[in-house]
PDB file of N, CA and C in Angstrom:
ATOM      1  N   MET A   1       6.653 137.867 -15.174  1.00  0.00           N
ATOM      2  CA  MET A   1       6.493 136.331 -15.036  1.00  0.00           C
ATOM      3  C   MET A   1       6.473 136.074 -13.664  1.00  0.00           C
ATOM      4  N   TYR A   2       4.876 135.066 -13.381  1.00  0.00           N
ATOM      5  CA  TYR A   2       4.993 134.482 -12.230  1.00  0.00           C
ATOM      6  C   TYR A   2       5.226 133.248 -12.461  1.00  0.00           C
ATOM      7  N   ASN A   3       5.611 133.401 -11.080  1.00  0.00           N
ATOM      8  CA  ASN A   3       6.136 131.567 -10.465  1.00  0.00           C
ATOM      9  C   ASN A   3       4.869 131.446  -9.744  1.00  0.00           C
ATOM     10  N   HIS A   4       4.194 130.695 -10.020  1.00  0.00           N
ATOM     11  CA  HIS A   4       2.739 129.807  -9.491  1.00  0.00           C
ATOM     12  C   HIS A   4       2.917 128.578  -8.495  1.00  0.00           C
ATOM     13  N   GLU A   5       4.171 128.630  -7.770  1.00  0.00           N
ATOM     14  CA  GLU A   5       4.636 127.765  -6.904  1.00  0.00           C
ATOM     15  C   GLU A   5       4.603 128.071  -5.596  1.00  0.00           C
ATOM     16  N   LYS A   6       4.957 129.795  -6.088  1.00  0.00           N
ATOM     17  CA  LYS A   6       5.551 130.728  -4.486  1.00  0.00           C
ATOM     18  C   LYS A   6       4.310 131.380  -4.647  1.00  0.00           C
ATOM     19  N   ARG A   7       3.970 131.851  -5.627  1.00  0.00           N
ATOM     20  CA  ARG A   7       3.061 133.074  -5.618  1.00  0.00           C
ATOM     21  C   ARG A   7       3.683 134.248  -5.864  1.00  0.00           C
ATOM     22  N   VAL A   8       4.798 134.466  -6.323  1.00  0.00           N
ATOM     23  CA  VAL A   8       5.621 135.945  -6.230  1.00  0.00           C
ATOM     24  C   VAL A   8       6.019 136.198  -7.693  1.00  0.00           C
ATOM     25  N   ASN A   9       5.579 137.888  -7.991  1.00  0.00           N
ATOM     26  CA  ASN A   9       6.266 137.788  -9.027  1.00  0.00           C
ATOM     27  C   ASN A   9       7.869 137.923  -9.109  1.00  0.00           C
ATOM     28  N   MET A  10       8.090 137.462 -10.263  1.00  0.00           N
ATOM     29  CA  MET A  10       9.337 137.273 -10.876  1.00  0.00           C
ATOM     30  C   MET A  10      10.253 138.701 -11.951  1.00  0.00           C
ATOM     31  N   GLU A  11      11.121 138.796 -11.255  1.00  0.00           N
ATOM     32  CA  GLU A  11      11.744 139.746 -12.398  1.00  0.00           C
ATOM     33  C   GLU A  11      12.149 138.923 -13.483  1.00  0.00           C
ATOM     34  N   THR A  12      11.717 140.032 -15.050  1.00  0.00           N
ATOM     35  CA  THR A  12      12.028 139.307 -15.924  1.00  0.00           C
ATOM     36  C   THR A  12      12.860 139.631 -17.137  1.00  0.00           C
ATOM     37  N   PHE A  13      13.874 139.581 -17.568  1.00  0.00           N
ATOM     38  CA  PHE A  13      15.656 139.712 -17.694  1.00  0.00           C
ATOM     39  C   PHE A  13      15.256 139.074 -19.876  1.00  0.00           C
ATOM     40  N   ARG A  14      15.347 140.128 -21.072  1.00  0.00           N
ATOM     41  CA  ARG A  14      15.321 139.449 -21.917  1.00  0.00           C
ATOM     42  C   ARG A  14      16.270 140.201 -22.811  1.00  0.00           C
ATOM     43  N   THR A  15      16.972 139.152 -23.371  1.00  0.00           N
ATOM     44  CA  THR A  15      17.816 140.064 -24.276  1.00  0.00           C
ATOM     45  C   THR A  15      18.066 138.379 -25.689  1.00  0.00           C
ATOM     46  N   ARG A  16      19.278 139.345 -26.536  1.00  0.00           N
ATOM     47  CA  ARG A  16      19.257 138.650 -27.997  1.00  0.00           C
ATOM     48  C   ARG A  16      20.910 137.915 -27.867  1.00  0.00           C
ATOM     49  N   THR A  17      21.276 136.729 -28.256  1.00  0.00           N
ATOM     50  CA  THR A  17      22.298 136.564 -28.777  1.00  0.00           C
ATOM     51  C   THR A  17      22.550 135.767 -29.726  1.00  0.00           C
ATOM     52  N   THR A  18      23.521 134.884 -30.009  1.00  0.00           N
ATOM     53  CA  THR A  18      23.918 134.753 -31.139  1.00  0.00           C
ATOM     54  C   THR A  18      24.687 132.994 -30.267  1.00  0.00           C
ATOM     55  N   VAL A  19      24.784 131.914 -30.970  1.00  0.00           N
ATOM     56  CA  VAL A  19      25.184 130.927 -30.338  1.00  0.00           C
ATOM     57  C   VAL A  19      26.699 130.679 -30.810  1.00  0.00           C
ATOM     58  N   SER A  20      27.677 130.463 -30.507  1.00  0.00           N
ATOM     59  CA  SER A  20      29.227 130.723 -30.865  1.00  0.00           C
ATOM     60  C   SER A  20      28.938 129.564 -31.725  1.00  0.00           C
ATOM     61  N   LYS A  21      30.352 129.072 -32.174  1.00  0.00           N
ATOM     62  CA  LYS A  21      30.729 128.169 -33.344  1.00  0.00           C
ATOM     63  C   LYS A  21      30.869 126.654 -32.431  1.00  0.00           C
ATOM     64  N   ASP A  22      31.448 126.671 -31.189  1.00  0.00           N
ATOM     65  CA  ASP A  22      31.525 125.117 -30.271  1.00  0.00           C
ATOM     66  C   ASP A  22      30.177 125.509 -29.715  1.00  0.00           C
ATOM     67  N   GLY A  23      28.879 125.752 -30.010  1.00  0.00           N
ATOM     68  CA  GLY A  23      27.410 125.842 -29.365  1.00  0.00           C
ATOM     69  C   GLY A  23      27.620 126.446 -28.013  1.00  0.00           C
ATOM     70  N   LYS A  24      28.168 127.394 -27.650  1.00  0.00           N
ATOM     71  CA  LYS A  24      27.887 128.089 -26.549  1.00  0.00           C
ATOM     72  C   LYS A  24      27.265 129.329 -26.890  1.00  0.00           C
ATOM     73  N   LEU A  25      26.622 129.522 -25.477  1.00  0.00           N
ATOM     74  CA  LEU A  25      25.934 130.730 -25.431  1.00  0.00           C
ATOM     75  C   LEU A  25      27.094 131.884 -24.146  1.00  0.00           C
ATOM     76  N   SER A  26      27.406 133.094 -24.225  1.00  0.00           N
ATOM     77  CA  SER A  26      27.190 133.820 -23.040  1.00  0.00           C
ATOM     78  C   SER A  26      26.657 135.208 -22.839  1.00  0.00           C
ATOM     79  N   ILE A  27      25.946 135.403 -21.394  1.00  0.00           N
ATOM     80  CA  ILE A  27      25.144 136.076 -21.227  1.00  0.00           C
ATOM     81  C   ILE A  27      25.660 137.092 -20.227  1.00  0.00           C
ATOM     82  N   LYS A  28      26.112 138.331 -20.729  1.00  0.00           N
ATOM     83  CA  LYS A  28      26.661 139.132 -19.831  1.00  0.00           C
ATOM     84  C   LYS A  28      25.443 140.653 -18.882  1.00  0.00           C
ATOM     85  N   GLY A  29      25.931 141.020 -17.914  1.00  0.00           N
ATOM     86  CA  GLY A  29      25.018 142.388 -17.493  1.00  0.00           C
ATOM     87  C   GLY A  29      24.067 141.756 -17.221  1.00  0.00           C
ATOM     88  N   LEU A  30      24.251 140.551 -16.788  1.00  0.00           N
ATOM     89  CA  LEU A  30      22.498 140.325 -16.361  1.00  0.00           C
ATOM     90  C   LEU A  30      22.103 140.884 -14.906  1.00  0.00           C
ATOM     91  N   PRO A  31      20.655 141.291 -15.054  1.00  0.00           N
ATOM     92  CA  PRO A  31      20.389 142.582 -13.726  1.00  0.00           C
ATOM     93  C   PRO A  31      20.141 141.673 -12.087  1.00  0.00           C
ATOM     94  N   PHE A  32      20.371 140.097 -12.112  1.00  0.00           N
ATOM     95  CA  PHE A  32      19.914 139.257 -11.211  1.00  0.00           C
ATOM     96  C   PHE A  32      21.264 139.019  -9.751  1.00  0.00           C
ATOM     97  N   ARG A  33      21.083 139.106  -8.262  1.00  0.00           N
ATOM     98  CA  ARG A  33      22.304 139.066  -7.539  1.00  0.00           C
ATOM     99  C   ARG A  33      23.297 137.944  -7.710  1.00  0.00           C
ATOM    100  N   PRO A  34      24.321 138.012  -7.633  1.00  0.00           N
ATOM    101  CA  PRO A  34      25.210 136.678  -7.743  1.00  0.00           C
ATOM    102  C   PRO A  34      25.063 135.591  -7.158  1.00  0.00           C
ATOM    103  N   GLY A  35      24.507 134.337  -7.312  1.00  0.00           N
ATOM    104  CA  GLY A  35      23.993 133.504  -6.403  1.00  0.00           C
ATOM    105  C   GLY A  35      22.553 133.382  -6.328  1.00  0.00           C
ATOM    106  N   ALA A  36      21.747 133.891  -7.641  1.00  0.00           N
ATOM    107  CA  ALA A  36      20.738 134.308  -7.433  1.00  0.00           C
ATOM    108  C   ALA A  36      20.540 132.745  -8.559  1.00  0.00           C
ATOM    109  N   LYS A  37      19.221 131.768  -8.231  1.00  0.00           N
ATOM    110  CA  LYS A  37      18.695 131.077  -8.897  1.00  0.00           C
ATOM    111  C   LYS A  37      17.933 131.420  -9.766  1.00  0.00           C
ATOM    112  N   VAL A  38      18.075 131.308 -11.522  1.00  0.00           N
ATOM    113  CA  VAL A  38      17.118 131.715 -12.317  1.00  0.00           C
ATOM    114  C   VAL A  38      16.680 130.644 -13.414  1.00  0.00           C
ATOM    115  N   GLU A  39      15.640 130.963 -13.913  1.00  0.00           N
ATOM    116  CA  GLU A  39      15.537 130.125 -15.121  1.00  0.00           C
ATOM    117  C   GLU A  39      15.489 130.726 -16.505  1.00  0.00           C
ATOM    118  N   VAL A  40      16.379 129.619 -17.614  1.00  0.00           N
ATOM    119  CA  VAL A  40      16.826 130.252 -18.900  1.00  0.00           C
ATOM    120  C   VAL A  40      16.026 129.071 -19.590  1.00  0.00           C
ATOM    121  N   ILE A  41      15.285 130.293 -20.532  1.00  0.00           N
ATOM    122  CA  ILE A  41      14.750 129.187 -21.635  1.00  0.00           C
ATOM    123  C   ILE A  41      15.240 129.250 -22.824  1.00  0.00           C
ATOM    124  N   VAL A  42      15.807 129.206 -24.128  1.00  0.00           N
ATOM    125  CA  VAL A  42      16.433 129.955 -24.830  1.00  0.00           C
ATOM    126  C   VAL A  42      15.118 128.821 -26.537  1.00  0.00           C
ATOM    127  N   ARG A  43      14.971 130.041 -26.910  1.00  0.00           N
ATOM    128  CA  ARG A  43      14.187 129.445 -28.451  1.00  0.00           C
ATOM    129  C   ARG A  43      14.794 129.814 -29.582  1.00  0.00           C
ATOM    130  N   GLU A  44      15.095 129.600 -30.473  1.00  0.00           N
ATOM    131  CA  GLU A  44      15.313 130.387 -31.818  1.00  0.00           C
ATOM    132  C   GLU A  44      14.709 131.881 -32.046  1.00  0.00           C
ATOM    133  N   GLU A  45      15.125 132.579 -32.465  1.00  0.00           N
ATOM    134  CA  GLU A  45      14.205 133.033 -33.270  1.00  0.00           C
ATOM    135  C   GLU A  45      13.219 132.818 -34.545  1.00  0.00           C
ATOM    136  N   PRO A  46      12.155 133.616 -34.778  1.00  0.00           N
ATOM    137  CA  PRO A  46      11.462 133.115 -35.744  1.00  0.00           C
ATOM    138  C   PRO A  46      11.709 133.630 -36.783  1.00  0.00           C
ATOM    139  N   ARG A  47      12.215 132.993 -38.299  1.00  0.00           N
ATOM    140  CA  ARG A  47      12.725 133.472 -39.075  1.00  0.00           C
ATOM    141  C   ARG A  47      11.551 134.474 -40.165  1.00  0.00           C
ATOM    142  N   LYS A  48      12.491 135.268 -40.535  1.00  0.00           N
ATOM    143  CA  LYS A  48      11.520 136.317 -41.288  1.00  0.00           C
ATOM    144  C   LYS A  48      10.835 136.060 -42.527  1.00  0.00           C
ATOM    145  N   ILE A  49       9.227 135.909 -43.109  1.00  0.00           N
ATOM    146  CA  ILE A  49       8.593 136.094 -44.105  1.00  0.00           C
ATOM    147  C   ILE A  49       8.730 137.473 -45.014  1.00  0.00           C
ATOM    148  N   SER A  50       9.651 137.041 -46.528  1.00  0.00           N
ATOM    149  CA  SER A  50       9.567 138.417 -47.112  1.00  0.00           C
ATOM    150  C   SER A  50       7.622 139.002 -47.761  1.00  0.00           C
ATOM    151  N   ALA A  51       7.656 139.774 -47.806  1.00  0.00           N
ATOM    152  CA  ALA A  51       6.297 140.443 -48.376  1.00  0.00           C
ATOM    153  C   ALA A  51       5.907 140.008 -49.976  1.00  0.00           C
ATOM    154  N   ALA A  52       7.171 139.472 -50.104  1.00  0.00           N
ATOM    155  CA  ALA A  52       6.695 138.328 -51.234  1.00  0.00           C
ATOM    156  C   ALA A  52       6.020 137.071 -50.865  1.00  0.00           C
ATOM    157  N   LYS A  53       6.925 136.423 -50.362  1.00  0.00           N
ATOM    158  CA  LYS A  53       5.989 135.270 -50.160  1.00  0.00           C
ATOM    159  C   LYS A  53       4.983 135.310 -48.644  1.00  0.00           C
ATOM    160  N   ARG A  54       4.568 136.250 -48.449  1.00  0.00           N
ATOM    161  CA  ARG A  54       3.394 136.159 -47.592  1.00  0.00           C
ATOM    162  C   ARG A  54       2.411 136.382 -48.387  1.00  0.00           C
ATOM    163  N   LYS A  55       2.476 137.391 -49.389  1.00  0.00           N
ATOM    164  CA  LYS A  55       1.510 137.546 -50.372  1.00  0.00           C
ATOM    165  C   LYS A  55       0.887 136.105 -51.445  1.00  0.00           C
ATOM    166  N   ALA A  56       2.048 135.647 -51.287  1.00  0.00           N
ATOM    167  CA  ALA A  56       1.763 134.966 -51.931  1.00  0.00           C
ATOM    168  C   ALA A  56       1.465 133.512 -51.339  1.00  0.00           C
ATOM    169  N   LEU A  57       1.428 133.240 -50.052  1.00  0.00           N
ATOM    170  CA  LEU A  57       0.879 132.043 -48.996  1.00  0.00           C
ATOM    171  C   LEU A  57      -0.616 132.802 -48.723  1.00  0.00           C
ATOM    172  N   ALA A  58      -0.612 133.994 -48.664  1.00  0.00           N
ATOM    173  CA  ALA A  58      -2.535 134.445 -49.120  1.00  0.00           C
ATOM    174  C   ALA A  58      -3.357 133.974 -50.205  1.00  0.00           C
ATOM    175  N   GLY A  59      -2.143 134.294 -51.251  1.00  0.00           N
ATOM    176  CA  GLY A  59      -3.137 133.438 -52.611  1.00  0.00           C
ATOM    177  C   GLY A  59      -3.210 132.500 -52.519  1.00  0.00           C
ATOM    178  N   GLU A  60      -2.333 131.708 -52.025  1.00  0.00           N
ATOM    179  CA  GLU A  60      -2.647 130.026 -51.771  1.00  0.00           C
ATOM    180  C   GLU A  60      -4.042 129.622 -50.626  1.00  0.00           C
ATOM    181  N   MET A  61      -4.071 130.277 -49.722  1.00  0.00           N
ATOM    182  CA  MET A  61      -5.274 130.492 -48.884  1.00  0.00           C
ATOM    183  C   MET A  61      -6.396 131.095 -49.559  1.00  0.00           C
ATOM    184  N   GLN A  62      -6.311 132.237 -49.943  1.00  0.00           N
ATOM    185  CA  GLN A  62      -7.377 132.537 -50.739  1.00  0.00           C
ATOM    186  C   GLN A  62      -8.128 131.455 -51.758  1.00  0.00           C
ATOM    187  N   SER A  63      -7.282 130.958 -53.023  1.00  0.00           N
ATOM    188  CA  SER A  63      -7.806 130.067 -53.497  1.00  0.00           C
ATOM    189  C   SER A  63      -8.384 128.177 -52.917  1.00  0.00           C
ATOM    190  N   LEU A  64      -7.444 128.262 -52.269  1.00  0.00           N
ATOM    191  CA  LEU A  64      -7.916 127.090 -50.737  1.00  0.00           C
ATOM    192  C   LEU A  64      -9.674 127.550 -49.842  1.00  0.00           C
ATOM    193  N   PHE A  65      -9.562 128.341 -49.991  1.00  0.00           N
ATOM    194  CA  PHE A  65     -11.119 129.118 -48.993  1.00  0.00           C
ATOM    195  C   PHE A  65     -12.198 129.117 -50.731  1.00  0.00           C
ATOM    196  N   LYS A  66     -11.499 129.105 -51.846  1.00  0.00           N
ATOM    197  CA  LYS A  66     -12.855 128.987 -52.869  1.00  0.00           C
ATOM    198  C   LYS A  66     -13.033 127.589 -52.636  1.00  0.00           C
ATOM    199  N   GLU A  67     -11.985 126.788 -53.152  1.00  0.00           N
ATOM    200  CA  GLU A  67     -12.067 125.424 -53.118  1.00  0.00           C
ATOM    201  C   GLU A  67     -13.463 124.794 -52.341  1.00  0.00           C
ATOM    202  N   ILE A  68     -13.033 125.388 -50.951  1.00  0.00           N
ATOM    203  CA  ILE A  68     -13.914 124.885 -50.144  1.00  0.00           C
ATOM    204  C   ILE A  68     -15.353 125.481 -50.363  1.00  0.00           C
ATOM    205  N   ARG A  69     -15.666 126.565 -50.280  1.00  0.00           N
ATOM    206  CA  ARG A  69     -16.724 127.039 -50.739  1.00  0.00           C
ATOM    207  C   ARG A  69     -17.252 126.160 -51.938  1.00  0.00           C
ATOM    208  N   SER A  70     -16.792 126.163 -53.261  1.00  0.00           N
ATOM    209  CA  SER A  70     -17.261 125.418 -53.932  1.00  0.00           C
ATOM    210  C   SER A  70     -17.531 123.439 -53.527  1.00  0.00           C
ATOM    211  N   LEU A  71     -17.027 123.724 -52.722  1.00  0.00           N
ATOM    212  CA  LEU A  71     -18.062 121.877 -52.406  1.00  0.00           C
ATOM    213  C   LEU A  71     -18.922 122.033 -52.229  1.00  0.00           C
ATOM    214  N   PRO A  72     -19.974 120.785 -52.573  1.00  0.00           N
ATOM    215  CA  PRO A  72     -20.941 120.387 -52.277  1.00  0.00           C
ATOM    216  C   PRO A  72     -21.635 120.858 -51.060  1.00  0.00           C
ATOM    217  N   GLN A  73     -20.933 119.780 -50.783  1.00  0.00           N
ATOM    218  CA  GLN A  73     -21.345 120.099 -49.037  1.00  0.00           C
ATOM    219  C   GLN A  73     -21.743 122.054 -48.050  1.00  0.00           C
ATOM    220  N   ALA A  74     -20.837 122.202 -48.948  1.00  0.00           N
ATOM    221  CA  ALA A  74     -20.853 124.081 -48.754  1.00  0.00           C
ATOM    222  C   ALA A  74     -21.618 124.840 -48.522  1.00  0.00           C
ATOM    223  N   ARG A  75     -22.195 123.865 -49.408  1.00  0.00           N
ATOM    224  CA  ARG A  75     -23.793 124.745 -50.393  1.00  0.00           C
ATOM    225  C   ARG A  75     -24.928 124.231 -49.856  1.00  0.00           C
ATOM    226  N   THR A  76     -25.059 123.371 -48.842  1.00  0.00           N
ATOM    227  CA  THR A  76     -25.787 122.855 -48.441  1.00  0.00           C
ATOM    228  C   THR A  76     -25.943 123.067 -47.158  1.00  0.00           C
ATOM    229  N   ILE A  77     -25.077 123.574 -46.568  1.00  0.00           N
ATOM    230  CA  ILE A  77     -25.239 123.873 -44.684  1.00  0.00           C
ATOM    231  C   ILE A  77     -25.475 124.835 -44.557  1.00  0.00           C
ATOM    232  N   THR A  78     -26.877 124.869 -43.772  1.00  0.00           N
ATOM    233  CA  THR A  78     -27.600 126.429 -43.171  1.00  0.00           C
ATOM    234  C   THR A  78     -27.079 127.087 -42.450  1.00  0.00           C
ATOM    235  N   GLU A  79     -27.415 128.010 -42.183  1.00  0.00           N
ATOM    236  CA  GLU A  79     -26.899 128.788 -40.854  1.00  0.00           C
ATOM    237  C   GLU A  79     -26.516 128.431 -39.358  1.00  0.00           C
ATOM    238  N   GLU A  80     -28.396 127.936 -39.744  1.00  0.00           N
ATOM    239  CA  GLU A  80     -28.905 127.568 -38.530  1.00  0.00           C
ATOM    240  C   GLU A  80     -28.086 125.984 -37.963  1.00  0.00           C
ATOM    241  N   GLU A  81     -27.342 125.635 -38.543  1.00  0.00           N
ATOM    242  CA  GLU A  81     -26.793 123.997 -38.442  1.00  0.00           C
ATOM    243  C   GLU A  81     -25.323 124.315 -37.861  1.00  0.00           C
ATOM    244  N   ILE A  82     -24.741 125.628 -38.999  1.00  0.00           N
ATOM    245  CA  ILE A  82     -22.973 126.171 -38.698  1.00  0.00           C
ATOM    246  C   ILE A  82     -23.271 126.755 -36.836  1.00  0.00           C
ATOM    247  N   ALA A  83     -24.381 127.299 -36.401  1.00  0.00           N
ATOM    248  CA  ALA A  83     -24.361 128.008 -35.315  1.00  0.00           C
ATOM    249  C   ALA A  83     -24.434 126.837 -34.733  1.00  0.00           C
ATOM    250  N   ALA A  84     -25.518 126.009 -34.671  1.00  0.00           N
ATOM    251  CA  ALA A  84     -26.018 124.074 -34.128  1.00  0.00           C
ATOM    252  C   ALA A  84     -24.468 123.572 -33.749  1.00  0.00           C
ATOM    253  N   GLU A  85     -23.866 124.005 -34.914  1.00  0.00           N
ATOM    254  CA  GLU A  85     -22.383 123.053 -34.677  1.00  0.00           C
ATOM    255  C   GLU A  85     -21.625 123.621 -34.081  1.00  0.00           C
ATOM    256  N   ILE A  86     -21.260 124.957 -33.985  1.00  0.00           N
ATOM    257  CA  ILE A  86     -20.472 125.662 -32.760  1.00  0.00           C
ATOM    258  C   ILE A  86     -20.713 125.622 -31.738  1.00  0.00           C
ATOM    259  N   ALA A  87     -22.662 125.820 -31.417  1.00  0.00           N
ATOM    260  CA  ALA A  87     -22.603 126.041 -30.412  1.00  0.00           C
ATOM    261  C   ALA A  87     -22.609 124.888 -29.194  1.00  0.00           C
ATOM    262  N   ALA A  88     -22.560 123.545 -30.421  1.00  0.00           N
ATOM    263  CA  ALA A  88     -21.745 122.271 -28.949  1.00  0.00           C
ATOM    264  C   ALA A  88     -20.783 121.929 -29.293  1.00  0.00           C
ATOM    265  N   TYR A  89     -19.522 122.598 -30.030  1.00  0.00           N
ATOM    266  CA  TYR A  89     -18.353 122.269 -29.968  1.00  0.00           C
ATOM    267  C   TYR A  89     -17.943 123.004 -28.527  1.00  0.00           C
ATOM    268  N   ARG A  90     -18.530 124.030 -28.466  1.00  0.00           N
ATOM    269  CA  ARG A  90     -17.583 125.020 -27.489  1.00  0.00           C
ATOM    270  C   ARG A  90     -18.446 124.733 -26.109  1.00  0.00           C
ATOM    271  N   ALA A  91     -19.736 124.069 -26.415  1.00  0.00           N
ATOM    272  CA  ALA A  91     -20.087 123.099 -24.701  1.00  0.00           C
ATOM    273  C   ALA A  91     -19.679 122.328 -24.001  1.00  0.00           C
ATOM    274  N   SER A  92     -18.437 121.353 -25.709  1.00  0.00           N
ATOM    275  CA  SER A  92     -18.091 120.163 -25.268  1.00  0.00           C
ATOM    276  C   SER A  92     -16.529 121.052 -24.770  1.00  0.00           C
ATOM    277  N   LYS A  93     -15.908 122.453 -24.954  1.00  0.00           N
ATOM    278  CA  LYS A  93     -14.659 122.271 -24.239  1.00  0.00           C
ATOM    279  C   LYS A  93     -14.895 122.821 -22.854  1.00  0.00           C
ATOM    280  N   SER A  94     -16.229 122.971 -22.758  1.00  0.00           N
ATOM    281  CA  SER A  94     -16.136 124.056 -21.505  1.00  0.00           C
ATOM    282  C   SER A  94     -17.025 123.025 -20.239  1.00  0.00           C
ATOM    283  N   LYS A  95     -16.390 121.880 -20.985  1.00  0.00           N
ATOM    284  CA  LYS A  95     -16.382 120.514 -20.065  1.00  0.00           C
ATOM    285  C   LYS A  95     -15.231 120.489 -19.092  1.00  0.00           C
TER     286      LYS A  95
END
């Protein structure tokens, strides 16, 4: 991790724990000296998606893409128009 204010490298320690019933966290064995100021960021771990759910989502995406490709607008746009639109978008982002 990098501290942009002081421009010094900072040690990062990552661990996993569970929130207790009373909503508290306890972290033991930290590799920092007593009294050190530390930044604490807490985020929930992402939920696991089953293979079956992932396959179903992929199928939904394929159906959506097929539907989009069948729209009249998709049949009339040329490769040159697509390239020009991408170039214009990129130019607007570089400002």
